[in-house]
Amino acid sequence: MKAYFEDLKETIERGRANDMPREAHLVLHGQVLYAAVRGDLTKEEVDRLEALLNLPDDSFRLEEFALFGHDDEYQRDFAA
């Protein structure tokens, strides 16, 4: 797990140093989450990588769209 964490950490740091666009932050975050689901990263490693990514405030909403095709607001409207 340590090698995978270090690889992702290095990619994130290099991207930040080169003014990585917002979309790339989100793609990398997807890689972090996928690695966590596979068991390649611990919760602590995920937390550290997410802190490095400095994700936008609406990243959770964007993740919902990526995973489900809608956000929580859609669920509330649909349930009403």
Protein backbone atom coordinates (compact mmCIF):
# COMPACT_ATOMS: atom_id res chain seq x y z
CA MET A 1 0.00 0.00 0.00
CA LYS A 2 2.83 2.36 0.81
CA ALA A 3 4.18 2.34 -2.76
CA TYR A 4 0.76 3.16 -4.21
CA PHE A 5 0.30 5.97 -1.71
CA GLU A 6 3.71 7.41 -2.55
CA ASP A 7 3.00 7.24 -6.30
CA LEU A 8 -0.28 9.10 -5.94
CA LYS A 9 1.26 11.61 -3.53
CA GLU A 10 4.07 12.34 -5.99
CA THR A 11 1.60 12.77 -8.87
CA ILE A 12 -0.53 15.16 -6.82
CA GLU A 13 2.46 17.20 -5.69
CA ARG A 14 3.85 17.42 -9.23
CA GLY A 15 0.43 18.43 -10.55
CA ARG A 16 0.01 21.14 -7.93
CA ALA A 17 3.48 22.48 -8.68
CA ASN A 18 2.45 22.73 -12.35
CA ASP A 19 -0.93 24.42 -11.72
CA MET A 20 -3.01 21.32 -12.37
CA PRO A 21 -6.53 22.24 -13.55
CA ARG A 22 -9.57 21.58 -11.36
CA GLU A 23 -10.67 18.69 -13.54
CA ALA A 24 -7.38 16.90 -12.93
CA HIS A 25 -7.87 17.27 -9.17
CA LEU A 26 -11.21 15.52 -9.52
CA VAL A 27 -9.79 12.75 -11.70
CA LEU A 28 -7.03 12.15 -9.18
CA HIS A 29 -9.58 12.13 -6.39
CA GLY A 30 -11.44 9.42 -8.30
CA GLN A 31 -8.22 7.41 -8.45
CA VAL A 32 -7.76 7.84 -4.70
CA LEU A 33 -11.31 6.67 -3.98
CA TYR A 34 -10.99 3.72 -6.35
CA ALA A 35 -7.72 2.69 -4.70
CA ALA A 36 -9.42 2.88 -1.30
CA VAL A 37 -12.28 0.66 -2.46
CA ARG A 38 -9.77 -1.88 -3.81
CA GLY A 39 -7.97 -1.83 -0.46
CA ASP A 40 -4.79 -0.30 -1.84
CA LEU A 41 -4.99 2.70 0.52
CA THR A 42 -5.88 3.03 4.18
CA LYS A 43 -8.38 5.59 5.45
CA GLU A 44 -5.49 7.65 6.84
CA GLU A 45 -3.73 7.63 3.47
CA VAL A 46 -6.94 8.69 1.73
CA ASP A 47 -7.33 11.57 4.18
CA ARG A 48 -3.76 12.71 3.57
CA LEU A 49 -4.14 12.58 -0.22
CA GLU A 50 -7.47 14.41 -0.11
CA ALA A 51 -5.85 17.16 1.95
CA LEU A 52 -3.09 17.45 -0.65
CA LEU A 53 -5.65 17.70 -3.44
CA ASN A 54 -7.25 20.76 -1.84
CA LEU A 55 -10.60 19.82 -3.37
CA PRO A 56 -13.23 22.42 -4.23
CA ASP A 57 -16.13 22.94 -1.84
CA ASP A 58 -18.55 21.25 -4.22
CA SER A 59 -16.44 18.11 -4.73
CA PHE A 60 -18.92 15.91 -2.84
CA ARG A 61 -21.74 17.07 -5.13
CA LEU A 62 -19.57 16.40 -8.17
CA GLU A 63 -18.76 12.91 -6.88
CA GLU A 64 -22.48 12.20 -6.54
CA PHE A 65 -22.99 13.15 -10.18
CA ALA A 66 -20.06 10.95 -11.22
CA LEU A 67 -21.35 7.96 -9.26
CA PHE A 68 -25.12 8.26 -9.61
CA GLY A 69 -25.80 10.70 -12.45
CA HIS A 70 -27.45 13.16 -10.06
CA ASP A 71 -26.82 14.88 -6.76
CA ASP A 72 -28.67 14.77 -3.45
CA GLU A 73 -30.90 17.69 -4.51
CA TYR A 74 -32.24 15.51 -7.31
CA GLN A 75 -33.07 12.79 -4.78
CA ARG A 76 -34.99 15.25 -2.62
CA ASP A 77 -36.93 16.59 -5.62
CA PHE A 78 -37.68 13.09 -6.86
CA ALA A 79 -38.90 11.92 -3.45
CA ALA A 80 -41.30 14.86 -3.10
